[in-house]
Amino acid sequence: MADREYRQHRFRRPAGATELFLVRHGESAAVRPGVEIPKSSEGHDDPALAPDGRDQARRVAERLADQQVDAIYVTSLRRTQETAAPLAEKLGLTPIVEPDLREVFLGEWEGGAFRRHAAEGHPLAAQVFREERWDVIPAAEATEAFNARLRDGLDRIVGAHPDQRVVVVVHGGVIGEVMRIAAGGGRGFAFVGADNGSISHLVVHRDRWVVRRFNDTAHLGGFDLDPEPSLPES
């Protein structure tokens, strides 16, 4: 027994588990005064990707092309669909829309208002980050409702893909809430701030959610220490 070894081993996905690569969509088009932002059927802002966002989408595709991806999911908002397109083309996969993973609804601050108010120091924007709840904004989606629909959407994906790896292209607010769920709750905005084009990695096995990675941006180049908060609809 003296020569027996107990080595450390790399993490292995449990049998029956699903690996989720949560990709935040690329940078979306800038908000400009007097320029109307397209809307989705649910009333969310639905801008296209900015030129930098298209480059981020290309870099995501290059990063994930050799990762044995079994399926790609997107939301009903086109910035996720445009981000997924280069990877889908490389892998020959057709992205599947999961509408329950769309971004948190910002009520009266859709139409680019959140981005503008946050940049200009609106007191209610400061309250949002102080209380760590999006529903401080008038008519915004309640945190509990947001949480519930994200769980429903992820449960459907996990149920459809045991023993598989899935790329899910979503939004900054979605990644923040999903990571908070996986970490067992706690501060509302503990994981808000995922960069555009970043990859977060989650393993789901029955009721156990394991965070393997958060906000991986190695494929994007550079490292920005700018503390400006990442906005959910950007």
C-alpha atoms as a PDB file:
ATOM      1  CA  MET A   1       0.000   0.000   0.000  1.00  0.00           C
ATOM      2  CA  ALA A   2       2.954   2.327   0.557  1.00  0.00           C
ATOM      3  CA  ASP A   3       3.480   2.756  -3.196  1.00  0.00           C
ATOM      4  CA  ARG A   4      -0.180   3.476  -3.958  1.00  0.00           C
ATOM      5  CA  GLU A   5      -0.884   6.894  -5.511  1.00  0.00           C
ATOM      6  CA  TYR A   6      -3.953   9.110  -5.252  1.00  0.00           C
ATOM      7  CA  ARG A   7      -3.580  11.545  -8.096  1.00  0.00           C
ATOM      8  CA  GLN A   8      -5.549  14.643  -8.918  1.00  0.00           C
ATOM      9  CA  HIS A   9      -7.616  14.242 -12.067  1.00  0.00           C
ATOM     10  CA  ARG A  10      -9.136  16.602 -14.564  1.00  0.00           C
ATOM     11  CA  PHE A  11     -12.864  17.161 -14.444  1.00  0.00           C
ATOM     12  CA  ARG A  12     -14.943  14.726 -16.496  1.00  0.00           C
ATOM     13  CA  ARG A  13     -18.528  15.268 -17.522  1.00  0.00           C
ATOM     14  CA  PRO A  14     -20.733  12.845 -15.543  1.00  0.00           C
ATOM     15  CA  ALA A  15     -22.696  10.271 -17.522  1.00  0.00           C
ATOM     16  CA  GLY A  16     -25.986  11.763 -18.650  1.00  0.00           C
ATOM     17  CA  ALA A  17     -24.877  15.370 -18.078  1.00  0.00           C
ATOM     18  CA  THR A  18     -25.060  18.222 -20.582  1.00  0.00           C
ATOM     19  CA  GLU A  19     -22.287  20.719 -21.220  1.00  0.00           C
ATOM     20  CA  LEU A  20     -23.437  24.225 -22.067  1.00  0.00           C
ATOM     21  CA  PHE A  21     -21.189  26.817 -23.660  1.00  0.00           C
ATOM     22  CA  LEU A  22     -23.024  30.076 -22.951  1.00  0.00           C
ATOM     23  CA  VAL A  23     -21.839  32.639 -25.495  1.00  0.00           C
ATOM     24  CA  ARG A  24     -22.741  36.269 -25.093  1.00  0.00           C
ATOM     25  CA  HIS A  25     -23.696  37.739 -28.457  1.00  0.00           C
ATOM     26  CA  GLY A  26     -21.300  40.110 -30.192  1.00  0.00           C
ATOM     27  CA  GLU A  27     -21.497  43.847 -29.709  1.00  0.00           C
ATOM     28  CA  SER A  28     -24.758  45.227 -31.054  1.00  0.00           C
ATOM     29  CA  ALA A  29     -25.333  48.458 -32.955  1.00  0.00           C
ATOM     30  CA  ALA A  30     -24.832  51.676 -31.017  1.00  0.00           C
ATOM     31  CA  VAL A  31     -27.767  53.688 -29.723  1.00  0.00           C
ATOM     32  CA  ARG A  32     -27.998  57.007 -31.551  1.00  0.00           C
ATOM     33  CA  PRO A  33     -30.400  59.878 -30.750  1.00  0.00           C
ATOM     34  CA  GLY A  34     -33.221  60.036 -33.262  1.00  0.00           C
ATOM     35  CA  VAL A  35     -32.512  56.586 -34.700  1.00  0.00           C
ATOM     36  CA  GLU A  36     -35.238  54.078 -33.869  1.00  0.00           C
ATOM     37  CA  ILE A  37     -34.151  50.649 -32.640  1.00  0.00           C
ATOM     38  CA  PRO A  38     -36.002  47.699 -34.221  1.00  0.00           C
ATOM     39  CA  LYS A  39     -38.279  45.767 -31.864  1.00  0.00           C
ATOM     40  CA  SER A  40     -38.991  42.066 -31.506  1.00  0.00           C
ATOM     41  CA  SER A  41     -42.514  40.670 -31.332  1.00  0.00           C
ATOM     42  CA  GLU A  42     -42.118  40.539 -27.526  1.00  0.00           C
ATOM     43  CA  GLY A  43     -41.239  44.249 -27.381  1.00  0.00           C
ATOM     44  CA  HIS A  44     -37.504  43.841 -26.767  1.00  0.00           C
ATOM     45  CA  ASP A  45     -34.902  45.960 -28.489  1.00  0.00           C
ATOM     46  CA  ASP A  46     -33.698  43.913 -31.456  1.00  0.00           C
ATOM     47  CA  PRO A  47     -30.646  45.575 -33.033  1.00  0.00           C
ATOM     48  CA  ALA A  48     -28.253  43.921 -35.449  1.00  0.00           C
ATOM     49  CA  LEU A  49     -24.589  43.352 -34.653  1.00  0.00           C
ATOM     50  CA  ALA A  50     -22.126  46.204 -34.960  1.00  0.00           C
ATOM     51  CA  PRO A  51     -19.027  45.626 -37.144  1.00  0.00           C
ATOM     52  CA  ASP A  52     -16.995  44.731 -34.031  1.00  0.00           C
ATOM     53  CA  GLY A  53     -19.761  42.308 -33.072  1.00  0.00           C
ATOM     54  CA  ARG A  54     -19.446  40.491 -36.380  1.00  0.00           C
ATOM     55  CA  ASP A  55     -15.713  40.153 -35.781  1.00  0.00           C
ATOM     56  CA  GLN A  56     -16.389  38.769 -32.307  1.00  0.00           C
ATOM     57  CA  ALA A  57     -18.809  36.238 -33.827  1.00  0.00           C
ATOM     58  CA  ARG A  58     -16.095  35.107 -36.237  1.00  0.00           C
ATOM     59  CA  ARG A  59     -13.631  34.679 -33.373  1.00  0.00           C
ATOM     60  CA  VAL A  60     -16.161  32.675 -31.351  1.00  0.00           C
ATOM     61  CA  ALA A  61     -16.608  30.359 -34.339  1.00  0.00           C
ATOM     62  CA  GLU A  62     -12.866  29.845 -34.630  1.00  0.00           C
ATOM     63  CA  ARG A  63     -12.612  29.095 -30.905  1.00  0.00           C
ATOM     64  CA  LEU A  64     -15.431  26.548 -30.802  1.00  0.00           C
ATOM     65  CA  ALA A  65     -15.166  24.898 -34.222  1.00  0.00           C
ATOM     66  CA  ASP A  66     -13.158  21.916 -32.892  1.00  0.00           C
ATOM     67  CA  GLN A  67     -15.074  21.403 -29.638  1.00  0.00           C
ATOM     68  CA  GLN A  68     -17.379  18.583 -30.787  1.00  0.00           C
ATOM     69  CA  VAL A  69     -20.507  20.683 -30.533  1.00  0.00           C
ATOM     70  CA  ASP A  70     -23.741  18.712 -30.945  1.00  0.00           C
ATOM     71  CA  ALA A  71     -26.249  21.574 -31.211  1.00  0.00           C
ATOM     72  CA  ILE A  72     -26.473  25.363 -31.294  1.00  0.00           C
ATOM     73  CA  TYR A  73     -29.261  27.331 -29.644  1.00  0.00           C
ATOM     74  CA  VAL A  74     -30.102  31.012 -30.065  1.00  0.00           C
ATOM     75  CA  THR A  75     -32.829  33.306 -28.792  1.00  0.00           C
ATOM     76  CA  SER A  76     -35.581  35.046 -30.718  1.00  0.00           C
ATOM     77  CA  LEU A  77     -33.416  38.201 -30.910  1.00  0.00           C
ATOM     78  CA  ARG A  78     -31.319  38.606 -34.015  1.00  0.00           C
ATOM     79  CA  ARG A  79     -28.058  39.624 -32.352  1.00  0.00           C
ATOM     80  CA  THR A  80     -27.773  36.070 -31.022  1.00  0.00           C
ATOM     81  CA  GLN A  81     -28.680  34.582 -34.388  1.00  0.00           C
ATOM     82  CA  GLU A  82     -26.092  36.718 -36.199  1.00  0.00           C
ATOM     83  CA  THR A  83     -23.472  35.743 -33.611  1.00  0.00           C
ATOM     84  CA  ALA A  84     -24.184  32.033 -34.043  1.00  0.00           C
ATOM     85  CA  ALA A  85     -24.154  32.138 -37.847  1.00  0.00           C
ATOM     86  CA  PRO A  86     -20.373  31.741 -38.439  1.00  0.00           C
ATOM     87  CA  LEU A  87     -20.135  28.760 -36.075  1.00  0.00           C
ATOM     88  CA  ALA A  88     -23.277  27.164 -37.519  1.00  0.00           C
ATOM     89  CA  GLU A  89     -21.789  27.456 -41.001  1.00  0.00           C
ATOM     90  CA  LYS A  90     -18.487  25.883 -39.911  1.00  0.00           C
ATOM     91  CA  LEU A  91     -20.235  22.960 -38.214  1.00  0.00           C
ATOM     92  CA  GLY A  92     -23.102  22.471 -40.653  1.00  0.00           C
ATOM     93  CA  LEU A  93     -25.657  22.876 -37.861  1.00  0.00           C
ATOM     94  CA  THR A  94     -28.967  24.728 -37.950  1.00  0.00           C
ATOM     95  CA  PRO A  95     -29.433  26.845 -34.811  1.00  0.00           C
ATOM     96  CA  ILE A  96     -32.535  26.141 -32.749  1.00  0.00           C
ATOM     97  CA  VAL A  97     -34.501  29.059 -31.300  1.00  0.00           C
ATOM     98  CA  GLU A  98     -35.264  28.907 -27.563  1.00  0.00           C
ATOM     99  CA  PRO A  99     -37.369  32.033 -26.947  1.00  0.00           C
ATOM    100  CA  ASP A 100     -37.379  31.703 -23.154  1.00  0.00           C
ATOM    101  CA  LEU A 101     -33.660  32.585 -23.105  1.00  0.00           C
ATOM    102  CA  ARG A 102     -34.205  36.070 -24.559  1.00  0.00           C
ATOM    103  CA  GLU A 103     -32.868  39.047 -22.619  1.00  0.00           C
ATOM    104  CA  VAL A 104     -34.581  40.488 -19.555  1.00  0.00           C
ATOM    105  CA  PHE A 105     -37.350  42.887 -20.579  1.00  0.00           C
ATOM    106  CA  LEU A 106     -36.546  46.441 -19.490  1.00  0.00           C
ATOM    107  CA  GLY A 107     -40.058  47.896 -19.645  1.00  0.00           C
ATOM    108  CA  GLU A 108     -40.057  51.666 -20.096  1.00  0.00           C
ATOM    109  CA  TRP A 109     -36.294  51.580 -20.667  1.00  0.00           C
ATOM    110  CA  GLU A 110     -36.382  49.546 -23.856  1.00  0.00           C
ATOM    111  CA  GLY A 111     -35.689  51.572 -27.011  1.00  0.00           C
ATOM    112  CA  GLY A 112     -32.091  52.201 -25.966  1.00  0.00           C
ATOM    113  CA  ALA A 113     -33.140  54.151 -22.873  1.00  0.00           C
ATOM    114  CA  PHE A 114     -31.249  51.933 -20.436  1.00  0.00           C
ATOM    115  CA  ARG A 115     -27.966  52.344 -22.249  1.00  0.00           C
ATOM    116  CA  ARG A 116     -28.459  56.106 -22.460  1.00  0.00           C
ATOM    117  CA  HIS A 117     -29.590  56.564 -18.855  1.00  0.00           C
ATOM    118  CA  ALA A 118     -26.743  54.422 -17.501  1.00  0.00           C
ATOM    119  CA  ALA A 119     -24.176  56.420 -19.474  1.00  0.00           C
ATOM    120  CA  GLU A 120     -25.646  59.723 -18.302  1.00  0.00           C
ATOM    121  CA  GLY A 121     -25.842  58.771 -14.621  1.00  0.00           C
ATOM    122  CA  HIS A 122     -29.612  58.627 -14.223  1.00  0.00           C
ATOM    123  CA  PRO A 123     -30.411  58.075 -10.504  1.00  0.00           C
ATOM    124  CA  LEU A 124     -32.703  55.142 -11.286  1.00  0.00           C
ATOM    125  CA  ALA A 125     -29.882  53.434 -13.196  1.00  0.00           C
ATOM    126  CA  ALA A 126     -27.728  53.772 -10.099  1.00  0.00           C
ATOM    127  CA  GLN A 127     -30.577  52.253  -8.061  1.00  0.00           C
ATOM    128  CA  VAL A 128     -30.733  49.267 -10.431  1.00  0.00           C
ATOM    129  CA  PHE A 129     -27.108  48.422  -9.700  1.00  0.00           C
ATOM    130  CA  ARG A 130     -27.378  49.277  -6.013  1.00  0.00           C
ATOM    131  CA  GLU A 131     -30.366  46.962  -5.495  1.00  0.00           C
ATOM    132  CA  GLU A 132     -29.185  44.471  -8.147  1.00  0.00           C
ATOM    133  CA  ARG A 133     -32.621  44.049  -9.703  1.00  0.00           C
ATOM    134  CA  TRP A 134     -33.724  44.953 -13.235  1.00  0.00           C
ATOM    135  CA  ASP A 135     -37.333  45.385 -12.103  1.00  0.00           C
ATOM    136  CA  VAL A 136     -36.455  48.629 -10.349  1.00  0.00           C
ATOM    137  CA  ILE A 137     -37.123  50.030 -13.834  1.00  0.00           C
ATOM    138  CA  PRO A 138     -40.838  50.824 -14.407  1.00  0.00           C
ATOM    139  CA  ALA A 139     -42.666  47.936 -16.132  1.00  0.00           C
ATOM    140  CA  ALA A 140     -39.480  45.848 -16.330  1.00  0.00           C
ATOM    141  CA  GLU A 141     -39.648  42.072 -15.989  1.00  0.00           C
ATOM    142  CA  ALA A 142     -39.732  40.818 -12.411  1.00  0.00           C
ATOM    143  CA  THR A 143     -36.604  38.971 -11.319  1.00  0.00           C
ATOM    144  CA  GLU A 144     -38.646  35.941 -10.291  1.00  0.00           C
ATOM    145  CA  ALA A 145     -40.344  35.719 -13.705  1.00  0.00           C
ATOM    146  CA  PHE A 146     -37.024  36.140 -15.507  1.00  0.00           C
ATOM    147  CA  ASN A 147     -35.454  33.419 -13.370  1.00  0.00           C
ATOM    148  CA  ALA A 148     -38.366  31.029 -13.963  1.00  0.00           C
ATOM    149  CA  ARG A 149     -38.373  31.302 -17.753  1.00  0.00           C
ATOM    150  CA  LEU A 150     -34.588  30.879 -17.936  1.00  0.00           C
ATOM    151  CA  ARG A 151     -34.887  27.683 -15.910  1.00  0.00           C
ATOM    152  CA  ASP A 152     -37.642  26.461 -18.232  1.00  0.00           C
ATOM    153  CA  GLY A 153     -35.576  27.165 -21.337  1.00  0.00           C
ATOM    154  CA  LEU A 154     -32.445  25.508 -19.988  1.00  0.00           C
ATOM    155  CA  ASP A 155     -34.407  22.511 -18.717  1.00  0.00           C
ATOM    156  CA  ARG A 156     -35.680  21.913 -22.260  1.00  0.00           C
ATOM    157  CA  ILE A 157     -32.182  22.111 -23.719  1.00  0.00           C
ATOM    158  CA  VAL A 158     -30.662  19.857 -21.071  1.00  0.00           C
ATOM    159  CA  GLY A 159     -33.492  17.355 -21.423  1.00  0.00           C
ATOM    160  CA  ALA A 160     -32.905  17.141 -25.172  1.00  0.00           C
ATOM    161  CA  HIS A 161     -29.114  16.725 -24.985  1.00  0.00           C
ATOM    162  CA  PRO A 162     -27.862  14.249 -22.363  1.00  0.00           C
ATOM    163  CA  ASP A 163     -24.191  13.343 -22.854  1.00  0.00           C
ATOM    164  CA  GLN A 164     -23.778  16.176 -25.341  1.00  0.00           C
ATOM    165  CA  ARG A 165     -22.144  19.583 -25.669  1.00  0.00           C
ATOM    166  CA  VAL A 166     -24.340  22.495 -26.683  1.00  0.00           C
ATOM    167  CA  VAL A 167     -23.542  26.099 -27.600  1.00  0.00           C
ATOM    168  CA  VAL A 168     -26.203  28.535 -26.396  1.00  0.00           C
ATOM    169  CA  VAL A 169     -25.853  32.097 -27.709  1.00  0.00           C
ATOM    170  CA  VAL A 170     -27.612  34.427 -25.297  1.00  0.00           C
ATOM    171  CA  HIS A 171     -27.418  37.812 -23.573  1.00  0.00           C
ATOM    172  CA  GLY A 172     -25.465  39.462 -20.783  1.00  0.00           C
ATOM    173  CA  GLY A 173     -28.390  39.596 -18.366  1.00  0.00           C
ATOM    174  CA  VAL A 174     -29.215  35.963 -19.103  1.00  0.00           C
ATOM    175  CA  ILE A 175     -25.668  34.778 -18.424  1.00  0.00           C
ATOM    176  CA  GLY A 176     -25.596  36.745 -15.184  1.00  0.00           C
ATOM    177  CA  GLU A 177     -28.812  35.182 -13.912  1.00  0.00           C
ATOM    178  CA  VAL A 178     -27.929  31.651 -15.058  1.00  0.00           C
ATOM    179  CA  MET A 179     -24.537  31.824 -13.330  1.00  0.00           C
ATOM    180  CA  ARG A 180     -26.236  33.135 -10.191  1.00  0.00           C
ATOM    181  CA  ILE A 181     -28.622  30.167 -10.244  1.00  0.00           C
ATOM    182  CA  ALA A 182     -25.715  27.774 -10.714  1.00  0.00           C
ATOM    183  CA  ALA A 183     -23.870  29.351  -7.782  1.00  0.00           C
ATOM    184  CA  GLY A 184     -26.862  28.775  -5.520  1.00  0.00           C
ATOM    185  CA  GLY A 185     -28.331  32.262  -5.507  1.00  0.00           C
ATOM    186  CA  GLY A 186     -26.826  35.169  -3.623  1.00  0.00           C
ATOM    187  CA  ARG A 187     -26.204  38.648  -5.007  1.00  0.00           C
ATOM    188  CA  GLY A 188     -28.378  39.496  -7.985  1.00  0.00           C
ATOM    189  CA  PHE A 189     -25.611  40.971 -10.127  1.00  0.00           C
ATOM    190  CA  ALA A 190     -22.635  38.911  -8.951  1.00  0.00           C
ATOM    191  CA  PHE A 191     -22.128  37.623 -12.510  1.00  0.00           C
ATOM    192  CA  VAL A 192     -23.377  40.600 -14.516  1.00  0.00           C
ATOM    193  CA  GLY A 193     -20.604  41.825 -16.792  1.00  0.00           C
ATOM    194  CA  ALA A 194     -19.936  39.018 -19.284  1.00  0.00           C
ATOM    195  CA  ASP A 195     -18.188  40.571 -22.275  1.00  0.00           C
ATOM    196  CA  ASN A 196     -19.570  40.503 -25.799  1.00  0.00           C
ATOM    197  CA  GLY A 197     -18.318  37.339 -27.484  1.00  0.00           C
ATOM    198  CA  SER A 198     -17.294  35.742 -24.185  1.00  0.00           C
ATOM    199  CA  ILE A 199     -17.806  32.060 -23.347  1.00  0.00           C
ATOM    200  CA  SER A 200     -19.085  30.759 -20.021  1.00  0.00           C
ATOM    201  CA  HIS A 201     -19.155  27.008 -19.376  1.00  0.00           C
ATOM    202  CA  LEU A 202     -21.779  25.150 -17.364  1.00  0.00           C
ATOM    203  CA  VAL A 203     -22.270  21.425 -16.746  1.00  0.00           C
ATOM    204  CA  VAL A 204     -25.779  20.348 -15.761  1.00  0.00           C
ATOM    205  CA  HIS A 205     -26.403  16.901 -14.284  1.00  0.00           C
ATOM    206  CA  ARG A 206     -29.853  16.316 -12.846  1.00  0.00           C
ATOM    207  CA  ASP A 207     -30.316  19.127 -10.279  1.00  0.00           C
ATOM    208  CA  ARG A 208     -26.629  19.921 -10.057  1.00  0.00           C
ATOM    209  CA  TRP A 209     -25.264  22.897 -12.019  1.00  0.00           C
ATOM    210  CA  VAL A 210     -21.461  23.177 -12.070  1.00  0.00           C
ATOM    211  CA  VAL A 211     -19.741  26.360 -13.266  1.00  0.00           C
ATOM    212  CA  ARG A 212     -16.576  25.476 -15.166  1.00  0.00           C
ATOM    213  CA  ARG A 213     -15.797  28.880 -16.665  1.00  0.00           C
ATOM    214  CA  PHE A 214     -17.113  32.433 -16.648  1.00  0.00           C
ATOM    215  CA  ASN A 215     -16.397  35.209 -19.174  1.00  0.00           C
ATOM    216  CA  ASP A 216     -13.613  33.473 -21.113  1.00  0.00           C
ATOM    217  CA  THR A 217     -12.368  36.007 -23.686  1.00  0.00           C
ATOM    218  CA  ALA A 218      -9.024  34.452 -24.643  1.00  0.00           C
ATOM    219  CA  HIS A 219     -10.137  34.188 -28.282  1.00  0.00           C
ATOM    220  CA  LEU A 220     -10.962  37.905 -28.511  1.00  0.00           C
ATOM    221  CA  GLY A 221      -7.461  39.239 -27.871  1.00  0.00           C
ATOM    222  CA  GLY A 222      -6.406  41.818 -25.333  1.00  0.00           C
ATOM    223  CA  PHE A 223      -7.761  42.356 -21.832  1.00  0.00           C
ATOM    224  CA  ASP A 224      -9.697  45.466 -20.926  1.00  0.00           C
ATOM    225  CA  LEU A 225      -9.779  46.579 -17.289  1.00  0.00           C
ATOM    226  CA  ASP A 226     -12.479  49.186 -17.950  1.00  0.00           C
ATOM    227  CA  PRO A 227     -14.924  48.863 -15.009  1.00  0.00           C
ATOM    228  CA  GLU A 228     -17.933  50.183 -16.944  1.00  0.00           C
ATOM    229  CA  PRO A 229     -20.904  47.824 -16.283  1.00  0.00           C
ATOM    230  CA  SER A 230     -22.006  45.602 -19.119  1.00  0.00           C
ATOM    231  CA  LEU A 231     -25.541  46.436 -20.210  1.00  0.00           C
ATOM    232  CA  PRO A 232     -28.149  43.737 -20.793  1.00  0.00           C
ATOM    233  CA  GLU A 233     -29.439  44.935 -24.156  1.00  0.00           C
ATOM    234  CA  SER A 234     -26.079  46.005 -25.610  1.00  0.00           C
END
